[in-house]
Amino acid sequence: MKLIVFGATGGTGNAFVKQAIAAGHTVTAFVRTPSKLETTHKNLSVEIGDAMQSADVKQAITSDVDAVISCLGANGLGKTTDLSTMTANILDAMSIHDVKRIVYMASAGINKEIPGVTGFVAGKLLQNVLADHRRAVDLLAASEAEWTVARPMGLTNDDRTGEYRKARSGIPKGGRRIARSDVADFMLHTVTDHLYIRESIGLAY
């Protein structure tokens, strides 16, 4: 497959790029700072741009792209519309170039689905980021795209295990964390096996 990855220089994005290339896919990394990419490969190309700029995104997403991967994250915990703006730009470019498939990494908590004290604390601490992810997911749901949303619990930098739990509703019971590399694993399997179309999946160990 030919994949384009937004947020490719973050922890999950870098992990996804490495795993996708190892699996034999052709990857375009859309980045602002190419030096933050952790790998080079003949099947990896780099598109320099800013996802906040609609023109940059339209130039990067071409008609031969099979799927879009979004690992974009928020810059800080303050009020923001960056995530929803970037998602709107991506969806617009996808529509123009007739690209249907997108896998989007959001966060557990966007549906207020984390129970107990953990959910209360996360909801307060991350309220602005979660609200913007929610707006982005609402844009996906209103679009004609074949989207999948990943909702991971607390992210760690541990090695990939390939073993984690998934929940269509809420989060995996008692789950508290998951490695970025395993979120990338989920996203890669989801896009290559065409799983969970128009579904939002909670992820945790």
C-alpha atoms as a PDB file:
ATOM      1  CA  MET A   1       0.000   0.000   0.000  1.00  0.00           C
ATOM      2  CA  LYS A   2       0.960   3.632  -0.417  1.00  0.00           C
ATOM      3  CA  LEU A   3       0.438   5.404   2.899  1.00  0.00           C
ATOM      4  CA  ILE A   4       0.853   9.011   3.966  1.00  0.00           C
ATOM      5  CA  VAL A   5       1.506   9.669   7.644  1.00  0.00           C
ATOM      6  CA  PHE A   6       0.697  12.952   9.358  1.00  0.00           C
ATOM      7  CA  GLY A   7       2.422  13.440  12.707  1.00  0.00           C
ATOM      8  CA  ALA A   8       5.195  11.141  11.505  1.00  0.00           C
ATOM      9  CA  THR A   9       7.850  12.608  13.814  1.00  0.00           C
ATOM     10  CA  GLY A  10       5.961  11.935  17.054  1.00  0.00           C
ATOM     11  CA  GLY A  11       6.391   8.776  19.099  1.00  0.00           C
ATOM     12  CA  THR A  12       3.511   6.868  17.535  1.00  0.00           C
ATOM     13  CA  GLY A  13       4.124   8.314  14.089  1.00  0.00           C
ATOM     14  CA  ASN A  14       7.767   7.269  14.040  1.00  0.00           C
ATOM     15  CA  ALA A  15       6.794   3.793  15.221  1.00  0.00           C
ATOM     16  CA  PHE A  16       4.156   3.528  12.506  1.00  0.00           C
ATOM     17  CA  VAL A  17       6.575   4.603   9.774  1.00  0.00           C
ATOM     18  CA  LYS A  18       9.129   1.982  10.856  1.00  0.00           C
ATOM     19  CA  GLN A  19       6.547  -0.795  11.070  1.00  0.00           C
ATOM     20  CA  ALA A  20       4.904   0.085   7.755  1.00  0.00           C
ATOM     21  CA  ILE A  21       8.230   0.106   5.925  1.00  0.00           C
ATOM     22  CA  ALA A  22       9.242  -3.191   7.543  1.00  0.00           C
ATOM     23  CA  ALA A  23       5.960  -4.656   6.282  1.00  0.00           C
ATOM     24  CA  GLY A  24       6.802  -3.634   2.721  1.00  0.00           C
ATOM     25  CA  HIS A  25       4.604  -0.575   2.285  1.00  0.00           C
ATOM     26  CA  THR A  26       5.525   2.680   0.575  1.00  0.00           C
ATOM     27  CA  VAL A  27       5.325   5.577   3.019  1.00  0.00           C
ATOM     28  CA  THR A  28       5.248   9.343   2.716  1.00  0.00           C
ATOM     29  CA  ALA A  29       6.016  11.155   5.957  1.00  0.00           C
ATOM     30  CA  PHE A  30       4.392  14.592   6.118  1.00  0.00           C
ATOM     31  CA  VAL A  31       6.559  16.605   8.504  1.00  0.00           C
ATOM     32  CA  ARG A  32       7.644  20.076   9.464  1.00  0.00           C
ATOM     33  CA  THR A  33      11.047  18.945  10.751  1.00  0.00           C
ATOM     34  CA  PRO A  34      12.546  16.046   8.735  1.00  0.00           C
ATOM     35  CA  SER A  35      15.440  15.638  11.190  1.00  0.00           C
ATOM     36  CA  LYS A  36      12.968  14.275  13.756  1.00  0.00           C
ATOM     37  CA  LEU A  37      12.268  11.213  11.614  1.00  0.00           C
ATOM     38  CA  GLU A  38      14.023   8.213  13.133  1.00  0.00           C
ATOM     39  CA  THR A  39      14.495   6.188   9.954  1.00  0.00           C
ATOM     40  CA  THR A  40      15.453   6.403   6.299  1.00  0.00           C
ATOM     41  CA  HIS A  41      14.581   3.896   3.598  1.00  0.00           C
ATOM     42  CA  LYS A  42      14.193   3.675  -0.155  1.00  0.00           C
ATOM     43  CA  ASN A  43      10.439   3.227   0.348  1.00  0.00           C
ATOM     44  CA  LEU A  44      10.172   6.320   2.556  1.00  0.00           C
ATOM     45  CA  SER A  45       9.689   9.769   1.058  1.00  0.00           C
ATOM     46  CA  VAL A  46       9.398  13.008   2.977  1.00  0.00           C
ATOM     47  CA  GLU A  47       6.914  15.789   2.282  1.00  0.00           C
ATOM     48  CA  ILE A  48       7.746  18.968   4.171  1.00  0.00           C
ATOM     49  CA  GLY A  49       4.734  21.041   5.130  1.00  0.00           C
ATOM     50  CA  ASP A  50       2.380  22.279   7.804  1.00  0.00           C
ATOM     51  CA  ALA A  51      -0.924  20.449   8.302  1.00  0.00           C
ATOM     52  CA  MET A  52      -2.451  23.729   9.450  1.00  0.00           C
ATOM     53  CA  GLN A  53      -1.999  24.982   5.883  1.00  0.00           C
ATOM     54  CA  SER A  54      -4.654  23.602   3.552  1.00  0.00           C
ATOM     55  CA  ALA A  55      -2.494  24.107   0.446  1.00  0.00           C
ATOM     56  CA  ASP A  56       0.345  22.031   1.923  1.00  0.00           C
ATOM     57  CA  VAL A  57      -2.003  19.153   2.701  1.00  0.00           C
ATOM     58  CA  LYS A  58      -3.634  19.262  -0.738  1.00  0.00           C
ATOM     59  CA  GLN A  59      -0.221  19.034  -2.344  1.00  0.00           C
ATOM     60  CA  ALA A  60       0.831  16.086  -0.184  1.00  0.00           C
ATOM     61  CA  ILE A  61      -2.256  13.873  -0.580  1.00  0.00           C
ATOM     62  CA  THR A  62      -2.345  12.587  -4.141  1.00  0.00           C
ATOM     63  CA  SER A  63      -4.771  10.337  -5.976  1.00  0.00           C
ATOM     64  CA  ASP A  64      -2.442   7.335  -5.759  1.00  0.00           C
ATOM     65  CA  VAL A  65      -2.477   7.325  -1.938  1.00  0.00           C
ATOM     66  CA  ASP A  66      -4.266   4.252  -0.587  1.00  0.00           C
ATOM     67  CA  ALA A  67      -4.747   5.510   2.954  1.00  0.00           C
ATOM     68  CA  VAL A  68      -4.034   8.386   5.312  1.00  0.00           C
ATOM     69  CA  ILE A  69      -2.668   7.863   8.814  1.00  0.00           C
ATOM     70  CA  SER A  70      -3.038  10.660  11.352  1.00  0.00           C
ATOM     71  CA  CYS A  71      -0.864  10.551  14.457  1.00  0.00           C
ATOM     72  CA  LEU A  72      -1.144  14.283  14.999  1.00  0.00           C
ATOM     73  CA  GLY A  73      -1.007  15.523  18.556  1.00  0.00           C
ATOM     74  CA  ALA A  74      -1.762  18.728  20.391  1.00  0.00           C
ATOM     75  CA  ASN A  75       0.899  21.284  21.218  1.00  0.00           C
ATOM     76  CA  GLY A  76       0.356  21.690  24.939  1.00  0.00           C
ATOM     77  CA  LEU A  77      -2.774  21.458  27.099  1.00  0.00           C
ATOM     78  CA  GLY A  78      -4.337  24.843  26.430  1.00  0.00           C
ATOM     79  CA  LYS A  79      -7.441  25.605  24.416  1.00  0.00           C
ATOM     80  CA  THR A  80      -6.907  24.649  20.809  1.00  0.00           C
ATOM     81  CA  THR A  81      -8.623  23.957  17.520  1.00  0.00           C
ATOM     82  CA  ASP A  82      -5.448  22.755  15.821  1.00  0.00           C
ATOM     83  CA  LEU A  83      -6.414  19.077  15.692  1.00  0.00           C
ATOM     84  CA  SER A  84      -9.826  19.707  14.190  1.00  0.00           C
ATOM     85  CA  THR A  85      -8.405  22.266  11.753  1.00  0.00           C
ATOM     86  CA  MET A  86      -5.731  19.839  10.551  1.00  0.00           C
ATOM     87  CA  THR A  87      -8.303  17.062  10.265  1.00  0.00           C
ATOM     88  CA  ALA A  88     -10.576  19.305   8.213  1.00  0.00           C
ATOM     89  CA  ASN A  89      -7.650  20.063   5.900  1.00  0.00           C
ATOM     90  CA  ILE A  90      -6.873  16.354   5.518  1.00  0.00           C
ATOM     91  CA  LEU A  91     -10.497  15.431   4.803  1.00  0.00           C
ATOM     92  CA  ASP A  92     -10.779  18.225   2.251  1.00  0.00           C
ATOM     93  CA  ALA A  93      -7.660  17.022   0.428  1.00  0.00           C
ATOM     94  CA  MET A  94      -8.843  13.419   0.585  1.00  0.00           C
ATOM     95  CA  SER A  95     -12.137  14.401  -1.000  1.00  0.00           C
ATOM     96  CA  ILE A  96     -10.438  16.328  -3.789  1.00  0.00           C
ATOM     97  CA  HIS A  97      -8.167  13.389  -4.645  1.00  0.00           C
ATOM     98  CA  ASP A  98     -10.808  10.694  -3.996  1.00  0.00           C
ATOM     99  CA  VAL A  99      -8.865   9.038  -1.179  1.00  0.00           C
ATOM    100  CA  LYS A 100     -11.313   7.181   1.071  1.00  0.00           C
ATOM    101  CA  ARG A 101      -9.387   5.534   3.919  1.00  0.00           C
ATOM    102  CA  ILE A 102      -8.093   7.237   7.063  1.00  0.00           C
ATOM    103  CA  VAL A 103      -6.990   5.891  10.442  1.00  0.00           C
ATOM    104  CA  TYR A 104      -6.917   8.582  13.125  1.00  0.00           C
ATOM    105  CA  MET A 105      -5.254   8.401  16.528  1.00  0.00           C
ATOM    106  CA  ALA A 106      -7.320  10.280  19.108  1.00  0.00           C
ATOM    107  CA  SER A 107      -7.284   9.464  22.827  1.00  0.00           C
ATOM    108  CA  ALA A 108      -9.316   7.543  25.332  1.00  0.00           C
ATOM    109  CA  GLY A 109     -11.547  10.020  27.111  1.00  0.00           C
ATOM    110  CA  ILE A 110     -12.995  11.759  24.063  1.00  0.00           C
ATOM    111  CA  ASN A 111     -16.332  10.084  24.836  1.00  0.00           C
ATOM    112  CA  LYS A 112     -15.979  10.525  28.619  1.00  0.00           C
ATOM    113  CA  GLU A 113     -15.664   6.743  28.662  1.00  0.00           C
ATOM    114  CA  ILE A 114     -12.894   6.353  31.262  1.00  0.00           C
ATOM    115  CA  PRO A 115     -14.494   5.385  34.587  1.00  0.00           C
ATOM    116  CA  GLY A 116     -13.729   6.469  38.118  1.00  0.00           C
ATOM    117  CA  VAL A 117     -11.024   8.761  39.405  1.00  0.00           C
ATOM    118  CA  THR A 118      -8.789   8.088  36.407  1.00  0.00           C
ATOM    119  CA  GLY A 119     -11.466   9.356  34.069  1.00  0.00           C
ATOM    120  CA  PHE A 120     -12.167  12.410  36.207  1.00  0.00           C
ATOM    121  CA  VAL A 121      -8.496  13.402  36.427  1.00  0.00           C
ATOM    122  CA  ALA A 122      -7.840  12.772  32.717  1.00  0.00           C
ATOM    123  CA  GLY A 123     -10.978  14.685  31.808  1.00  0.00           C
ATOM    124  CA  LYS A 124      -9.854  17.709  33.798  1.00  0.00           C
ATOM    125  CA  LEU A 125      -6.171  17.653  32.829  1.00  0.00           C
ATOM    126  CA  LEU A 126      -6.728  16.956  29.141  1.00  0.00           C
ATOM    127  CA  GLN A 127     -10.093  18.630  28.672  1.00  0.00           C
ATOM    128  CA  ASN A 128      -8.940  20.984  25.913  1.00  0.00           C
ATOM    129  CA  VAL A 129      -7.095  18.324  23.939  1.00  0.00           C
ATOM    130  CA  LEU A 130      -9.923  15.814  24.338  1.00  0.00           C
ATOM    131  CA  ALA A 131     -12.473  18.405  23.208  1.00  0.00           C
ATOM    132  CA  ASP A 132     -10.491  19.120  20.052  1.00  0.00           C
ATOM    133  CA  HIS A 133      -9.998  15.425  19.311  1.00  0.00           C
ATOM    134  CA  ARG A 134     -13.768  15.082  19.750  1.00  0.00           C
ATOM    135  CA  ARG A 135     -14.346  17.842  17.193  1.00  0.00           C
ATOM    136  CA  ALA A 136     -11.955  16.111  14.800  1.00  0.00           C
ATOM    137  CA  VAL A 137     -13.728  12.775  15.251  1.00  0.00           C
ATOM    138  CA  ASP A 138     -17.073  14.465  14.640  1.00  0.00           C
ATOM    139  CA  LEU A 139     -15.688  15.753  11.338  1.00  0.00           C
ATOM    140  CA  LEU A 140     -14.648  12.219  10.411  1.00  0.00           C
ATOM    141  CA  ALA A 141     -18.082  10.858  11.311  1.00  0.00           C
ATOM    142  CA  ALA A 142     -19.805  13.504   9.185  1.00  0.00           C
ATOM    143  CA  SER A 143     -17.575  12.795   6.191  1.00  0.00           C
ATOM    144  CA  GLU A 144     -17.813  10.130   3.509  1.00  0.00           C
ATOM    145  CA  ALA A 145     -14.414   8.751   4.468  1.00  0.00           C
ATOM    146  CA  GLU A 146     -13.832   5.167   5.572  1.00  0.00           C
ATOM    147  CA  TRP A 147     -12.431   6.139   8.938  1.00  0.00           C
ATOM    148  CA  THR A 148     -11.206   4.284  11.993  1.00  0.00           C
ATOM    149  CA  VAL A 149     -10.443   6.050  15.264  1.00  0.00           C
ATOM    150  CA  ALA A 150      -7.946   4.649  17.767  1.00  0.00           C
ATOM    151  CA  ARG A 151      -8.565   5.689  21.386  1.00  0.00           C
ATOM    152  CA  PRO A 152      -5.486   4.610  23.369  1.00  0.00           C
ATOM    153  CA  MET A 153      -5.165   4.839  27.121  1.00  0.00           C
ATOM    154  CA  GLY A 154      -1.986   6.294  28.674  1.00  0.00           C
ATOM    155  CA  LEU A 155       0.872   6.126  26.177  1.00  0.00           C
ATOM    156  CA  THR A 156       4.282   4.680  27.041  1.00  0.00           C
ATOM    157  CA  ASN A 157       7.535   4.224  25.133  1.00  0.00           C
ATOM    158  CA  ASP A 158       7.764   0.480  25.758  1.00  0.00           C
ATOM    159  CA  ASP A 159       8.555  -2.024  23.004  1.00  0.00           C
ATOM    160  CA  ARG A 160       5.842  -3.403  20.776  1.00  0.00           C
ATOM    161  CA  THR A 161       4.191  -6.565  22.095  1.00  0.00           C
ATOM    162  CA  GLY A 162       1.474  -7.061  19.489  1.00  0.00           C
ATOM    163  CA  GLU A 163      -0.785  -8.117  22.357  1.00  0.00           C
ATOM    164  CA  TYR A 164      -3.344  -5.629  23.617  1.00  0.00           C
ATOM    165  CA  ARG A 165      -7.072  -5.414  24.176  1.00  0.00           C
ATOM    166  CA  LYS A 166      -9.615  -3.585  22.054  1.00  0.00           C
ATOM    167  CA  ALA A 167     -13.061  -2.244  22.904  1.00  0.00           C
ATOM    168  CA  ARG A 168     -15.655  -0.896  20.505  1.00  0.00           C
ATOM    169  CA  SER A 169     -17.533   0.696  23.389  1.00  0.00           C
ATOM    170  CA  GLY A 170     -15.664   2.359  26.218  1.00  0.00           C
ATOM    171  CA  ILE A 171     -12.198   1.076  27.024  1.00  0.00           C
ATOM    172  CA  PRO A 172     -10.824  -2.394  27.801  1.00  0.00           C
ATOM    173  CA  LYS A 173     -11.857  -3.109  31.400  1.00  0.00           C
ATOM    174  CA  GLY A 174      -9.169  -2.078  33.854  1.00  0.00           C
ATOM    175  CA  GLY A 175      -6.839  -0.929  31.087  1.00  0.00           C
ATOM    176  CA  ARG A 176      -4.586   1.978  31.948  1.00  0.00           C
ATOM    177  CA  ARG A 177      -1.785   2.130  29.412  1.00  0.00           C
ATOM    178  CA  ILE A 178      -0.467   1.007  26.048  1.00  0.00           C
ATOM    179  CA  ALA A 179       2.835   1.514  24.245  1.00  0.00           C
ATOM    180  CA  ARG A 180       2.943   3.899  21.305  1.00  0.00           C
ATOM    181  CA  SER A 181       4.492   1.081  19.296  1.00  0.00           C
ATOM    182  CA  ASP A 182       1.436  -1.080  19.939  1.00  0.00           C
ATOM    183  CA  VAL A 183      -0.915   1.735  18.945  1.00  0.00           C
ATOM    184  CA  ALA A 184       1.070   1.903  15.707  1.00  0.00           C
ATOM    185  CA  ASP A 185       0.708  -1.879  15.393  1.00  0.00           C
ATOM    186  CA  PHE A 186      -3.068  -1.560  15.720  1.00  0.00           C
ATOM    187  CA  MET A 187      -3.233   1.247  13.165  1.00  0.00           C
ATOM    188  CA  LEU A 188      -1.127  -0.669  10.653  1.00  0.00           C
ATOM    189  CA  HIS A 189      -3.163  -3.873  10.944  1.00  0.00           C
ATOM    190  CA  THR A 190      -6.364  -1.854  10.779  1.00  0.00           C
ATOM    191  CA  VAL A 191      -5.430  -0.131   7.545  1.00  0.00           C
ATOM    192  CA  THR A 192      -3.840  -3.104   5.797  1.00  0.00           C
ATOM    193  CA  ASP A 193      -6.590  -5.575   6.752  1.00  0.00           C
ATOM    194  CA  HIS A 194      -9.380  -3.015   6.234  1.00  0.00           C
ATOM    195  CA  LEU A 195     -10.775  -3.464   9.735  1.00  0.00           C
ATOM    196  CA  TYR A 196     -13.115  -1.396  11.946  1.00  0.00           C
ATOM    197  CA  ILE A 197     -14.534   0.797   9.182  1.00  0.00           C
ATOM    198  CA  ARG A 198     -16.366   3.803  10.678  1.00  0.00           C
ATOM    199  CA  GLU A 199     -15.656   2.545  14.194  1.00  0.00           C
ATOM    200  CA  SER A 200     -13.920   4.000  17.243  1.00  0.00           C
ATOM    201  CA  ILE A 201     -11.761   1.496  19.155  1.00  0.00           C
ATOM    202  CA  GLY A 202     -10.449   1.815  22.709  1.00  0.00           C
ATOM    203  CA  LEU A 203      -6.972   0.361  23.251  1.00  0.00           C
ATOM    204  CA  ALA A 204      -5.138  -0.812  26.380  1.00  0.00           C
ATOM    205  CA  TYR A 205      -3.226  -3.759  27.822  1.00  0.00           C
END
